[in-house]
Protein backbone atom coordinates (compact mmCIF):
# COMPACT_ATOMS: atom_id res chain seq x y z
CA MET A 1 19.02 3.64 0.45
CA LYS A 2 21.51 3.99 3.49
CA ASN A 3 19.82 4.03 6.23
CA ARG A 4 16.18 1.66 5.07
CA SER A 5 16.67 -1.08 6.82
CA LEU A 6 14.63 -4.42 6.38
CA SER A 7 12.28 -6.81 8.05
CA LEU A 8 13.83 -7.75 11.75
CA SER A 9 12.65 -11.61 10.67
CA ARG A 10 15.62 -11.86 7.48
CA LYS A 11 18.41 -10.06 6.70
CA ARG A 12 18.58 -9.93 2.46
CA ASN A 13 20.96 -8.54 -0.12
CA ASP A 14 18.23 -6.66 -2.49
CA THR A 15 20.10 -8.04 -5.54
CA ASP A 16 19.08 -11.57 -4.89
CA PRO A 17 17.72 -13.43 -7.78
CA GLN A 18 15.31 -15.16 -5.57
CA ILE A 19 13.67 -12.08 -3.65
CA LEU A 20 10.72 -11.04 -6.15
CA GLU A 21 9.78 -14.78 -6.33
CA GLU A 22 10.42 -14.99 -2.29
CA ILE A 23 7.63 -12.03 -1.78
CA ALA A 24 5.52 -13.12 -4.01
CA ASP A 25 4.70 -16.65 -1.68
CA PHE A 26 5.22 -14.64 1.41
CA TRP A 27 1.86 -12.48 -0.60
CA THR A 28 0.66 -15.38 -1.37
CA TYR A 29 0.44 -16.89 2.57
CA GLN A 30 -0.23 -13.57 4.66
CA LEU A 31 -3.01 -12.75 1.75
CA ASN A 32 -3.37 -8.38 1.89
CA ASN A 33 -6.49 -7.34 3.95
CA GLU A 34 -7.43 -10.78 6.02
CA ILE A 35 -5.83 -9.12 9.33
CA TYR A 36 -9.79 -7.45 9.49
CA LEU A 37 -11.46 -10.72 8.98
CA ARG A 38 -9.56 -12.56 12.72
CA ASN A 39 -12.43 -12.05 13.99
CA HIS A 40 -14.72 -13.81 11.24
CA PRO A 41 -12.79 -17.27 10.85
CA HIS A 42 -15.69 -18.94 9.33
CA VAL A 43 -16.06 -16.22 6.29
CA VAL A 44 -15.81 -17.47 2.72
CA ARG A 45 -12.72 -16.56 0.61
CA GLY A 46 -13.84 -14.61 -2.32
CA GLY A 47 -17.56 -14.35 -1.45
CA LYS A 48 -19.57 -10.65 -0.63
CA GLU A 49 -19.40 -11.08 3.53
CA TYR A 50 -15.55 -11.37 2.83
CA PHE A 51 -15.15 -8.26 1.06
CA ASP A 52 -18.10 -6.75 3.22
CA ILE A 53 -15.72 -7.54 6.41
CA ILE A 54 -12.84 -5.87 4.15
CA LEU A 55 -14.08 -2.55 2.63
CA SER A 56 -16.40 -1.57 5.33
CA GLN A 57 -12.78 -2.38 7.76
CA ARG A 58 -10.33 -0.41 5.37
CA LYS A 59 -13.16 2.76 5.49
CA LYS A 60 -12.52 2.58 8.82
CA TYR A 61 -9.34 2.40 10.28
CA ILE A 62 -8.00 4.41 6.49
CA TYR A 63 -9.38 7.40 7.50
CA TYR A 64 -7.85 9.87 4.64
CA PHE A 65 -8.32 8.27 2.17
CA GLU A 66 -11.23 10.59 0.70
CA ILE A 67 -8.52 13.36 1.26
CA MET A 68 -6.64 10.72 -1.23
CA THR A 69 -9.27 10.25 -3.26
CA ARG A 70 -9.75 14.21 -3.84
CA TYR A 71 -5.77 14.65 -4.76
CA LEU A 72 -6.14 12.62 -7.85
CA LYS A 73 -8.97 13.50 -9.06
CA GLY A 74 -7.17 16.45 -10.09
CA SER A 75 -4.91 14.37 -12.44
CA PRO A 76 -4.89 15.46 -16.22
CA SER A 77 -7.17 11.91 -17.20
CA SER A 78 -9.18 8.97 -15.25
CA GLN A 79 -7.13 6.81 -15.96
CA LEU A 80 -5.59 5.80 -12.91
CA LEU A 81 -3.07 3.39 -12.15
CA GLU A 82 -2.71 0.72 -8.77
CA VAL A 83 0.40 -0.45 -7.75
CA GLY A 84 0.45 -3.20 -5.77
CA CYS A 85 -3.31 -3.63 -5.97
CA GLY A 86 -3.19 -6.84 -3.76
CA MET A 87 -7.24 -7.67 -3.32
CA GLY A 88 -8.67 -4.66 -5.77
CA THR A 89 -10.19 -3.28 -2.01
CA ASP A 90 -8.73 0.23 -3.05
CA THR A 91 -9.33 0.03 -6.52
CA ILE A 92 -12.60 -0.52 -6.20
CA VAL A 93 -13.19 2.56 -4.72
CA PHE A 94 -11.80 4.75 -6.50
CA GLU A 95 -13.95 2.99 -9.62
CA LYS A 96 -16.70 3.83 -8.04
CA ASN A 97 -15.52 7.54 -7.84
CA GLY A 98 -15.01 7.89 -11.55
CA PHE A 99 -11.70 6.58 -12.65
CA ASN A 100 -11.08 4.04 -15.19
CA VAL A 101 -9.01 1.66 -12.71
CA THR A 102 -5.62 -0.55 -13.61
CA GLY A 103 -4.43 -2.37 -10.79
CA ILE A 104 -0.94 -4.30 -11.56
CA ASP A 105 0.27 -7.00 -8.18
CA LEU A 106 3.29 -8.97 -8.19
CA THR A 107 0.85 -12.09 -6.81
CA PRO A 108 -0.90 -14.06 -9.02
CA ALA A 109 -3.99 -15.06 -5.87
CA HIS A 110 -4.34 -11.09 -5.40
CA ILE A 111 -5.23 -10.40 -9.18
CA THR A 112 -7.49 -13.57 -8.80
CA LEU A 113 -9.41 -11.91 -5.70
CA ALA A 114 -8.92 -8.65 -7.60
CA LYS A 115 -11.12 -9.85 -10.52
CA ARG A 116 -13.40 -12.07 -8.27
CA LEU A 117 -14.39 -8.36 -5.88
CA PHE A 118 -14.91 -6.23 -9.00
CA ASP A 119 -17.57 -9.39 -10.44
CA ILE A 120 -19.03 -9.46 -7.31
CA TYR A 121 -19.87 -5.59 -7.27
CA ASN A 122 -20.32 -5.74 -10.74
CA ALA A 123 -17.15 -2.37 -11.26
CA ARG A 124 -15.22 -2.60 -14.40
CA GLY A 125 -11.28 -2.66 -14.36
CA PHE A 126 -7.84 -4.61 -15.65
CA PHE A 127 -5.84 -6.02 -13.71
CA ILE A 128 -2.46 -8.03 -14.18
CA GLN A 129 0.08 -9.79 -12.85
CA GLY A 130 3.49 -7.53 -12.85
CA ASN A 131 6.88 -6.19 -10.79
CA ALA A 132 6.42 -2.18 -9.66
CA GLU A 133 10.14 -1.86 -10.78
CA LYS A 134 9.46 -2.79 -14.25
CA LEU A 135 6.25 -2.08 -15.06
CA PRO A 136 4.61 -2.80 -18.80
CA PHE A 137 3.12 0.42 -19.25
CA PRO A 138 4.18 2.74 -21.62
CA ASP A 139 5.31 6.71 -20.70
CA ASN A 140 2.70 9.09 -20.13
CA SER A 141 0.11 6.44 -19.56
CA PHE A 142 -1.95 7.06 -17.05
CA GLY A 143 -3.65 10.67 -15.50
CA SER A 144 -3.01 9.23 -11.52
CA VAL A 145 -0.80 6.46 -9.79
CA TYR A 146 -2.13 5.12 -6.46
CA SER A 147 0.24 2.45 -4.12
CA PHE A 148 -0.61 2.31 -0.84
CA GLY A 149 1.66 0.17 1.64
CA VAL A 150 3.02 -1.68 -1.06
CA LEU A 151 6.89 -0.13 -2.24
CA HIS A 152 8.36 -0.30 1.36
CA HIS A 153 8.66 -4.42 -0.03
CA THR A 154 10.17 -4.09 -2.64
CA PRO A 155 13.82 -4.10 -3.35
CA LYS A 156 14.11 -1.19 -4.64
CA THR A 157 12.19 1.35 -3.86
CA GLN A 158 13.36 4.18 -5.70
CA THR A 159 13.61 1.74 -8.94
CA ALA A 160 9.80 1.63 -8.45
CA ILE A 161 8.99 5.28 -7.72
CA LYS A 162 10.96 6.27 -11.16
CA GLU A 163 8.55 3.67 -12.84
CA ILE A 164 5.53 6.05 -11.20
CA HIS A 165 7.24 9.19 -12.16
CA ARG A 166 7.27 7.56 -15.95
CA VAL A 167 4.23 6.26 -16.80
CA LEU A 168 2.80 9.31 -15.36
CA MET A 169 1.35 12.24 -18.06
CA PRO A 170 2.70 15.83 -17.94
CA LYS A 171 1.41 16.91 -14.65
CA GLY A 172 -0.40 13.07 -13.57
CA ARG A 173 -0.24 13.22 -9.99
CA ALA A 174 0.59 10.07 -7.98
CA VAL A 175 0.07 9.04 -4.36
CA ILE A 176 2.18 6.86 -2.45
CA MET A 177 2.22 5.12 1.41
CA LEU A 178 6.12 4.30 2.70
CA TYR A 179 6.17 3.49 6.21
CA ASN A 180 7.60 5.61 8.76
CA ARG A 181 10.81 5.01 10.53
CA ARG A 182 10.47 8.02 13.06
CA SER A 183 7.44 6.67 14.44
CA LEU A 184 5.39 4.63 17.24
CA ASN A 185 4.25 1.43 15.18
CA ASN A 186 7.98 0.58 14.26
CA LEU A 187 9.46 1.39 18.33
CA ALA A 188 6.71 -1.19 19.22
CA HIS A 189 8.03 -3.61 16.47
CA ILE A 190 11.47 -3.24 17.44
CA ILE A 191 10.57 -3.75 20.93
CA THR A 192 8.85 -6.85 20.43
CA ARG A 193 10.26 -8.43 17.55
CA LYS A 194 7.18 -8.99 16.11
CA GLY A 195 5.85 -9.57 12.23
CA PHE A 196 5.37 -6.47 10.93
CA GLU A 197 2.56 -7.72 8.74
CA ASN A 198 1.33 -10.02 11.03
CA VAL A 199 2.21 -13.43 10.04
CA LYS A 200 0.72 -15.90 11.45
CA LEU A 201 3.02 -18.42 11.28
CA GLY A 202 6.99 -18.50 10.41
CA GLU A 203 8.80 -15.73 9.25
CA ASP A 204 7.82 -11.66 7.96
CA SER A 205 7.28 -10.81 4.81
CA PRO A 206 11.37 -11.07 2.91
CA VAL A 207 11.54 -7.34 2.72
CA THR A 208 10.22 -4.49 4.83
CA TYR A 209 11.61 -0.87 4.67
CA ARG A 210 11.20 2.52 6.58
CA PHE A 211 11.82 4.88 5.56
CA SER A 212 12.41 8.91 6.91
CA LYS A 213 11.01 12.27 5.15
CA ALA A 214 14.12 13.01 4.08
CA ASP A 215 14.22 9.29 2.43
CA VAL A 216 11.36 10.12 0.54
CA MET A 217 12.60 13.15 -0.84
CA LYS A 218 15.26 12.07 -2.20
CA MET A 219 13.31 9.36 -4.04
CA CYS A 220 10.89 11.36 -5.05
CA LYS A 221 13.57 14.18 -6.58
CA ASP A 222 11.53 13.61 -10.62
CA PHE A 223 8.83 15.20 -9.58
CA ASN A 224 8.05 18.78 -9.96
CA THR A 225 6.77 18.98 -6.25
CA CYS A 226 5.85 16.00 -3.92
CA ASN A 227 4.65 17.05 -0.12
CA VAL A 228 4.53 14.05 2.45
CA LYS A 229 1.81 13.96 5.68
CA THR A 230 1.89 11.87 8.47
CA GLU A 231 -1.21 9.65 9.37
CA TYR A 232 -2.21 6.70 11.21
CA LEU A 233 -0.86 6.25 14.37
CA PHE A 234 -1.78 2.69 14.50
CA GLY A 235 -4.51 0.35 13.28
CA ALA A 236 -5.73 -3.25 13.13
CA GLY A 237 -3.00 -5.09 14.63
CA TRP A 238 -3.10 -3.19 17.70
CA ALA A 239 -6.85 -4.87 18.18
CA LYS A 240 -9.23 -3.05 21.26
CA ILE A 241 -6.55 -0.68 21.81
CA TYR A 242 -7.40 1.45 18.42
CA ASP A 243 -11.05 1.72 19.70
CA TYR A 244 -10.45 2.41 23.87
CA ILE A 245 -7.69 6.12 22.39
CA PRO A 246 -9.92 8.80 22.62
CA ARG A 247 -9.99 10.22 18.96
CA PRO A 248 -8.56 13.41 19.48
CA VAL A 249 -5.56 12.39 20.39
CA PHE A 250 -4.78 9.40 18.22
CA LEU A 251 -5.07 12.23 15.14
CA ILE A 252 -2.90 14.89 16.50
CA LEU A 253 -0.59 11.87 17.53
CA SER A 254 -0.61 10.87 14.12
CA LYS A 255 0.60 14.07 12.85
CA LEU A 256 3.79 13.10 14.59
CA ILE A 257 4.43 9.41 15.69
CA GLY A 258 2.04 7.68 12.65
CA TRP A 259 3.10 4.59 10.83
CA HIS A 260 2.34 6.28 7.16
CA LEU A 261 4.63 8.21 5.35
CA VAL A 262 2.03 9.26 2.80
CA ILE A 263 2.81 11.14 -0.84
CA PHE A 264 0.96 13.32 -2.49
CA ALA A 265 3.68 14.29 -5.63
CA GLN A 266 2.91 15.30 -9.13
CA LYS A 267 5.08 15.52 -11.95
């Protein structure tokens, strides 16, 4: 779509055949959710304490997770696919809520950690490495599909959304979170020129699109229903500022200029 924009660190053609490899390499280095561990430098990656901290912090910052869960519970089947499952920290919450979960991720390091997480917490799930733009599942396979903060990092976001629609059963439900172009967080990144994904060293993610609600509605036109909510003013990347802002003010501003566009769609 014409008004999407790439990350500030790099301008790329989204048809570049090497782009998916570069994205996987980036997320191998910049493991999702490890921002929550910046005050715990000695925690061992993949251990129970590591996952305990991350799960606790996800619950704190992603305050609307229960709303997404309730919506997906209205799906015609308990079979849930997470596209871009990362290390499985959301997948396991769905598993504990009674879903039969499958996770797919482009990055092998994430799949390894997701399997480790499920082993530690005695959970059941299936994980596979794969591409969101070419999901390796038959049509009408899942009652629910969930994808949080992932599809704005794939070169062809609309293609990935079409794949989600394809693998959903009739009346199946999807929840997808994409970055909001018209947000305080996007403005802050543009002004400061800091990486969108809290990079430690080097360049930011090869692809980071930001969308408007109008963009989202066009990409989700195949769904029978599609509602888009704005949430999450900012999170852990803002450090102590998050704790200082009054909660009612935070929630009001999240609805107006939040960083997350949360899509609730039904096939």
